Amino acid sequence: MSTNCKRGSENEMAKKGLYIGTGMGLVLFVLVGLLPGLFIGGMAGLKIGESLFGAVTAGATMPRVIVAFSMIAGLIMSAVVFIVGSGVLGWTVGFIADAVKAGKVAMPEAEKLG
């Protein structure tokens, strides 16, 4: 194992990138992911309710519960994609920037030659 790898609190740029990416993901989720997540989940719930109970009637409670749960699931999935995805992307950019800043990135072929 290489002694060059950074651990603990030394990885400041990666932490900052994670926080910035997560914040940007939260803002993007609120701006562009909230309503589509609800709509897609609602449509999936309508299809599931229709396939289980037939035509949705006005007094049926169970299809409405299925639609509500699927809307919540669509919202959560949209949040996971935006927030976690942007956080991982920000952490990756911060980690790469920290490695380049520290000058610890070396090509494997260069180590064999030297």
N, C-alpha and C. Protein backbone atom coordinates (compact mmCIF):
# COMPACT_ATOMS: atom_id res chain seq x y z
N MET A 1 0.84 -1.17 0.00
CA MET A 1 0.00 0.00 0.00
C MET A 1 0.88 1.22 0.00
N SER A 2 0.50 2.20 -0.73
CA SER A 2 1.28 3.43 -0.87
C SER A 2 1.15 4.30 0.37
N THR A 3 2.25 4.93 0.75
CA THR A 3 2.22 5.86 1.88
C THR A 3 1.82 7.25 1.43
N ASN A 4 1.58 7.40 0.13
CA ASN A 4 1.21 8.71 -0.41
C ASN A 4 -0.26 9.04 -0.23
N CYS A 5 -1.10 8.06 0.05
CA CYS A 5 -2.53 8.34 0.08
C CYS A 5 -2.88 9.16 1.32
N LYS A 6 -3.79 10.08 1.11
CA LYS A 6 -4.19 10.99 2.18
C LYS A 6 -5.35 10.39 2.95
N ARG A 7 -5.33 10.59 4.25
CA ARG A 7 -6.39 10.05 5.09
C ARG A 7 -6.87 11.11 6.05
N GLY A 8 -8.08 10.87 6.59
CA GLY A 8 -8.59 11.69 7.67
C GLY A 8 -8.90 13.10 7.25
N SER A 9 -8.46 14.03 8.08
CA SER A 9 -8.80 15.43 7.86
C SER A 9 -7.90 16.10 6.83
N GLU A 10 -6.95 15.37 6.27
CA GLU A 10 -6.06 15.95 5.26
C GLU A 10 -6.77 16.15 3.93
N ASN A 11 -7.86 15.49 3.71
CA ASN A 11 -8.58 15.53 2.43
C ASN A 11 -9.59 16.67 2.41
N GLU A 12 -9.13 17.88 2.60
CA GLU A 12 -10.03 19.03 2.74
C GLU A 12 -10.78 19.36 1.46
N MET A 13 -10.13 19.30 0.32
CA MET A 13 -10.80 19.65 -0.94
C MET A 13 -11.91 18.65 -1.26
N ALA A 14 -11.71 17.39 -0.93
CA ALA A 14 -12.74 16.39 -1.18
C ALA A 14 -13.96 16.66 -0.31
N LYS A 15 -13.73 17.05 0.95
CA LYS A 15 -14.86 17.38 1.84
C LYS A 15 -15.60 18.61 1.34
N LYS A 16 -14.85 19.63 0.94
CA LYS A 16 -15.50 20.84 0.42
C LYS A 16 -16.27 20.54 -0.84
N GLY A 17 -15.70 19.72 -1.72
CA GLY A 17 -16.41 19.32 -2.93
C GLY A 17 -17.68 18.55 -2.63
N LEU A 18 -17.61 17.69 -1.60
CA LEU A 18 -18.80 16.94 -1.20
C LEU A 18 -19.90 17.88 -0.72
N TYR A 19 -19.55 18.83 0.12
CA TYR A 19 -20.55 19.78 0.64
C TYR A 19 -21.12 20.66 -0.47
N ILE A 20 -20.26 21.15 -1.34
CA ILE A 20 -20.72 22.00 -2.44
C ILE A 20 -21.60 21.19 -3.40
N GLY A 21 -21.18 19.99 -3.74
CA GLY A 21 -21.97 19.14 -4.64
C GLY A 21 -23.31 18.76 -4.05
N THR A 22 -23.35 18.47 -2.76
CA THR A 22 -24.61 18.13 -2.11
C THR A 22 -25.54 19.32 -2.07
N GLY A 23 -25.00 20.49 -1.77
CA GLY A 23 -25.82 21.71 -1.77
C GLY A 23 -26.37 22.02 -3.14
N MET A 24 -25.53 21.89 -4.17
CA MET A 24 -26.00 22.13 -5.53
C MET A 24 -27.04 21.09 -5.94
N GLY A 25 -26.86 19.85 -5.51
CA GLY A 25 -27.83 18.81 -5.80
C GLY A 25 -29.17 19.07 -5.14
N LEU A 26 -29.14 19.60 -3.91
CA LEU A 26 -30.38 19.93 -3.22
C LEU A 26 -31.12 21.05 -3.94
N VAL A 27 -30.38 22.07 -4.38
CA VAL A 27 -31.00 23.17 -5.12
C VAL A 27 -31.57 22.67 -6.45
N LEU A 28 -30.80 21.84 -7.16
CA LEU A 28 -31.30 21.29 -8.42
C LEU A 28 -32.52 20.42 -8.21
N PHE A 29 -32.52 19.65 -7.13
CA PHE A 29 -33.69 18.81 -6.85
C PHE A 29 -34.93 19.66 -6.63
N VAL A 30 -34.80 20.74 -5.87
CA VAL A 30 -35.96 21.59 -5.61
C VAL A 30 -36.42 22.27 -6.89
N LEU A 31 -35.48 22.70 -7.74
CA LEU A 31 -35.85 23.44 -8.95
C LEU A 31 -36.38 22.54 -10.07
N VAL A 32 -35.74 21.40 -10.30
CA VAL A 32 -36.12 20.60 -11.47
C VAL A 32 -36.48 19.15 -11.17
N GLY A 33 -36.32 18.67 -9.95
CA GLY A 33 -36.59 17.27 -9.68
C GLY A 33 -37.83 16.99 -8.86
N LEU A 34 -38.35 18.00 -8.21
CA LEU A 34 -39.47 17.79 -7.29
C LEU A 34 -40.75 17.41 -8.03
N LEU A 35 -41.20 18.24 -8.92
CA LEU A 35 -42.46 17.95 -9.63
C LEU A 35 -42.36 16.76 -10.58
N PRO A 36 -41.29 16.62 -11.37
CA PRO A 36 -41.22 15.42 -12.21
C PRO A 36 -41.19 14.12 -11.40
N GLY A 37 -40.54 14.13 -10.24
CA GLY A 37 -40.54 12.94 -9.40
C GLY A 37 -41.94 12.58 -8.93
N LEU A 38 -42.70 13.61 -8.54
CA LEU A 38 -44.09 13.37 -8.12
C LEU A 38 -44.95 12.89 -9.28
N PHE A 39 -44.79 13.52 -10.45
CA PHE A 39 -45.60 13.14 -11.60
C PHE A 39 -45.30 11.71 -12.06
N ILE A 40 -44.03 11.37 -12.16
CA ILE A 40 -43.67 10.03 -12.61
C ILE A 40 -44.13 8.98 -11.60
N GLY A 41 -43.95 9.26 -10.31
CA GLY A 41 -44.43 8.33 -9.29
C GLY A 41 -45.93 8.20 -9.30
N GLY A 42 -46.63 9.31 -9.52
CA GLY A 42 -48.09 9.27 -9.60
C GLY A 42 -48.59 8.47 -10.78
N MET A 43 -47.94 8.62 -11.91
CA MET A 43 -48.34 7.84 -13.09
C MET A 43 -48.08 6.35 -12.87
N ALA A 44 -46.95 6.03 -12.25
CA ALA A 44 -46.67 4.62 -11.95
C ALA A 44 -47.72 4.07 -10.99
N GLY A 45 -48.10 4.87 -9.99
CA GLY A 45 -49.14 4.43 -9.06
C GLY A 45 -50.49 4.25 -9.72
N LEU A 46 -50.82 5.14 -10.66
CA LEU A 46 -52.08 4.97 -11.39
C LEU A 46 -52.08 3.70 -12.21
N LYS A 47 -50.96 3.39 -12.84
CA LYS A 47 -50.87 2.15 -13.64
C LYS A 47 -50.96 0.92 -12.74
N ILE A 48 -50.29 0.97 -11.58
CA ILE A 48 -50.35 -0.17 -10.66
C ILE A 48 -51.77 -0.33 -10.11
N GLY A 49 -52.39 0.77 -9.69
CA GLY A 49 -53.76 0.70 -9.18
C GLY A 49 -54.74 0.23 -10.23
N GLU A 50 -54.55 0.68 -11.45
CA GLU A 50 -55.44 0.26 -12.54
C GLU A 50 -55.28 -1.22 -12.85
N SER A 51 -54.05 -1.72 -12.79
CA SER A 51 -53.85 -3.14 -13.09
C SER A 51 -54.35 -4.04 -11.95
N LEU A 52 -54.30 -3.54 -10.72
CA LEU A 52 -54.78 -4.36 -9.60
C LEU A 52 -56.29 -4.28 -9.39
N PHE A 53 -56.86 -3.09 -9.55
CA PHE A 53 -58.27 -2.89 -9.20
C PHE A 53 -59.17 -2.56 -10.38
N GLY A 54 -58.63 -2.53 -11.57
CA GLY A 54 -59.44 -2.17 -12.73
C GLY A 54 -59.59 -0.66 -12.82
N ALA A 55 -60.72 -0.22 -13.35
CA ALA A 55 -60.95 1.22 -13.48
C ALA A 55 -61.08 1.85 -12.09
N VAL A 56 -60.39 2.95 -11.88
CA VAL A 56 -60.42 3.62 -10.59
C VAL A 56 -61.75 4.32 -10.43
N THR A 57 -62.45 3.97 -9.36
CA THR A 57 -63.75 4.60 -9.09
C THR A 57 -63.57 5.72 -8.08
N ALA A 58 -64.62 6.52 -7.92
CA ALA A 58 -64.52 7.71 -7.07
C ALA A 58 -64.39 7.36 -5.59
N GLY A 59 -64.95 6.27 -5.14
CA GLY A 59 -64.94 5.95 -3.72
C GLY A 59 -63.85 4.98 -3.30
N ALA A 60 -63.03 4.53 -4.21
CA ALA A 60 -62.03 3.52 -3.88
C ALA A 60 -60.86 4.14 -3.12
N THR A 61 -60.57 3.59 -1.96
CA THR A 61 -59.51 4.13 -1.12
C THR A 61 -58.16 3.49 -1.42
N MET A 62 -58.14 2.20 -1.67
CA MET A 62 -56.87 1.50 -1.85
C MET A 62 -56.09 1.99 -3.07
N PRO A 63 -56.71 2.23 -4.23
CA PRO A 63 -55.93 2.78 -5.34
C PRO A 63 -55.33 4.16 -5.02
N ARG A 64 -56.04 4.95 -4.25
CA ARG A 64 -55.51 6.26 -3.87
C ARG A 64 -54.30 6.13 -2.95
N VAL A 65 -54.35 5.15 -2.06
CA VAL A 65 -53.22 4.91 -1.17
C VAL A 65 -52.01 4.45 -1.98
N ILE A 66 -52.24 3.60 -2.97
CA ILE A 66 -51.15 3.13 -3.83
C ILE A 66 -50.55 4.31 -4.60
N VAL A 67 -51.39 5.18 -5.13
CA VAL A 67 -50.90 6.36 -5.85
C VAL A 67 -50.10 7.26 -4.92
N ALA A 68 -50.57 7.46 -3.70
CA ALA A 68 -49.85 8.32 -2.75
C ALA A 68 -48.49 7.74 -2.41
N PHE A 69 -48.43 6.44 -2.13
CA PHE A 69 -47.15 5.82 -1.81
C PHE A 69 -46.19 5.85 -3.00
N SER A 70 -46.71 5.67 -4.19
CA SER A 70 -45.83 5.70 -5.36
C SER A 70 -45.34 7.12 -5.66
N MET A 71 -46.16 8.13 -5.35
CA MET A 71 -45.71 9.51 -5.50
C MET A 71 -44.58 9.81 -4.51
N ILE A 72 -44.71 9.32 -3.29
CA ILE A 72 -43.65 9.52 -2.29
C ILE A 72 -42.39 8.77 -2.72
N ALA A 73 -42.54 7.57 -3.26
CA ALA A 73 -41.38 6.81 -3.73
C ALA A 73 -40.71 7.52 -4.91
N GLY A 74 -41.49 8.08 -5.82
CA GLY A 74 -40.91 8.84 -6.93
C GLY A 74 -40.17 10.07 -6.45
N LEU A 75 -40.69 10.74 -5.45
CA LEU A 75 -40.04 11.90 -4.87
C LEU A 75 -38.72 11.52 -4.22
N ILE A 76 -38.71 10.43 -3.47
CA ILE A 76 -37.48 9.98 -2.81
C ILE A 76 -36.44 9.55 -3.83
N MET A 77 -36.86 8.85 -4.87
CA MET A 77 -35.90 8.43 -5.89
C MET A 77 -35.29 9.62 -6.63
N SER A 78 -36.10 10.61 -6.91
CA SER A 78 -35.60 11.82 -7.55
C SER A 78 -34.61 12.54 -6.64
N ALA A 79 -34.91 12.60 -5.35
CA ALA A 79 -34.00 13.24 -4.40
C ALA A 79 -32.69 12.49 -4.31
N VAL A 80 -32.74 11.18 -4.30
CA VAL A 80 -31.51 10.38 -4.23
C VAL A 80 -30.65 10.62 -5.46
N VAL A 81 -31.27 10.62 -6.62
CA VAL A 81 -30.51 10.82 -7.85
C VAL A 81 -29.84 12.19 -7.86
N PHE A 82 -30.57 13.24 -7.54
CA PHE A 82 -30.02 14.58 -7.60
C PHE A 82 -29.02 14.84 -6.48
N ILE A 83 -29.38 14.57 -5.24
CA ILE A 83 -28.56 14.96 -4.11
C ILE A 83 -27.33 14.05 -3.97
N VAL A 84 -27.54 12.75 -3.98
CA VAL A 84 -26.41 11.83 -3.83
C VAL A 84 -25.51 11.87 -5.06
N GLY A 85 -26.11 11.93 -6.24
CA GLY A 85 -25.31 11.99 -7.45
C GLY A 85 -24.44 13.23 -7.51
N SER A 86 -24.99 14.38 -7.18
CA SER A 86 -24.20 15.61 -7.18
C SER A 86 -23.16 15.60 -6.07
N GLY A 87 -23.47 15.01 -4.93
CA GLY A 87 -22.50 14.90 -3.85
C GLY A 87 -21.31 14.04 -4.23
N VAL A 88 -21.57 12.91 -4.86
CA VAL A 88 -20.48 12.03 -5.30
C VAL A 88 -19.64 12.72 -6.38
N LEU A 89 -20.30 13.41 -7.29
CA LEU A 89 -19.57 14.15 -8.33
C LEU A 89 -18.70 15.24 -7.72
N GLY A 90 -19.24 15.98 -6.75
CA GLY A 90 -18.46 17.03 -6.08
C GLY A 90 -17.30 16.46 -5.30
N TRP A 91 -17.50 15.32 -4.62
CA TRP A 91 -16.43 14.69 -3.87
C TRP A 91 -15.32 14.24 -4.82
N THR A 92 -15.71 13.68 -5.97
CA THR A 92 -14.72 13.21 -6.94
C THR A 92 -13.88 14.36 -7.47
N VAL A 93 -14.55 15.46 -7.81
CA VAL A 93 -13.81 16.63 -8.31
C VAL A 93 -12.89 17.17 -7.22
N GLY A 94 -13.36 17.23 -5.97
CA GLY A 94 -12.53 17.70 -4.88
C GLY A 94 -11.36 16.78 -4.61
N PHE A 95 -11.57 15.47 -4.70
CA PHE A 95 -10.49 14.52 -4.49
C PHE A 95 -9.42 14.64 -5.56
N ILE A 96 -9.86 14.80 -6.80
CA ILE A 96 -8.90 14.97 -7.89
C ILE A 96 -8.14 16.28 -7.74
N ALA A 97 -8.85 17.35 -7.38
CA ALA A 97 -8.18 18.63 -7.17
C ALA A 97 -7.19 18.56 -6.02
N ASP A 98 -7.53 17.85 -4.96
CA ASP A 98 -6.63 17.71 -3.82
C ASP A 98 -5.40 16.89 -4.20
N ALA A 99 -5.59 15.84 -5.00
CA ALA A 99 -4.47 15.02 -5.43
C ALA A 99 -3.54 15.79 -6.36
N VAL A 100 -4.11 16.58 -7.25
CA VAL A 100 -3.28 17.38 -8.16
C VAL A 100 -2.55 18.46 -7.38
N LYS A 101 -3.23 19.08 -6.42
CA LYS A 101 -2.61 20.13 -5.61
C LYS A 101 -1.45 19.58 -4.79
N ALA A 102 -1.61 18.40 -4.25
CA ALA A 102 -0.56 17.80 -3.44
C ALA A 102 0.57 17.24 -4.29
N GLY A 103 0.33 17.05 -5.57
CA GLY A 103 1.35 16.51 -6.46
C GLY A 103 1.63 15.04 -6.22
N LYS A 104 0.66 14.33 -5.70
CA LYS A 104 0.85 12.92 -5.37
C LYS A 104 0.39 12.00 -6.48
N VAL A 105 -0.09 12.53 -7.57
CA VAL A 105 -0.55 11.70 -8.66
C VAL A 105 0.63 11.42 -9.57
N ALA A 106 0.94 10.16 -9.73
CA ALA A 106 2.05 9.76 -10.60
C ALA A 106 1.57 8.66 -11.52
N MET A 107 2.11 8.65 -12.70
CA MET A 107 1.76 7.61 -13.66
C MET A 107 2.41 6.30 -13.24
N PRO A 108 1.73 5.17 -13.35
CA PRO A 108 2.34 3.89 -12.95
C PRO A 108 3.56 3.56 -13.78
N GLU A 109 3.60 3.94 -15.05
CA GLU A 109 4.76 3.66 -15.89
C GLU A 109 5.97 4.47 -15.43
N ALA A 110 5.73 5.67 -14.94
CA ALA A 110 6.84 6.51 -14.49
C ALA A 110 7.50 5.92 -13.25
N GLU A 111 6.75 5.26 -12.39
CA GLU A 111 7.33 4.63 -11.21
C GLU A 111 8.20 3.45 -11.59
N LYS A 112 7.82 2.72 -12.64
CA LYS A 112 8.61 1.55 -13.08
C LYS A 112 9.92 1.99 -13.71
N LEU A 113 9.91 3.10 -14.41
CA LEU A 113 11.11 3.57 -15.09
C LEU A 113 12.14 4.14 -14.12
N GLY A 114 11.63 4.81 -13.05
CA GLY A 114 12.52 5.54 -12.15
C GLY A 114 13.12 4.75 -11.10
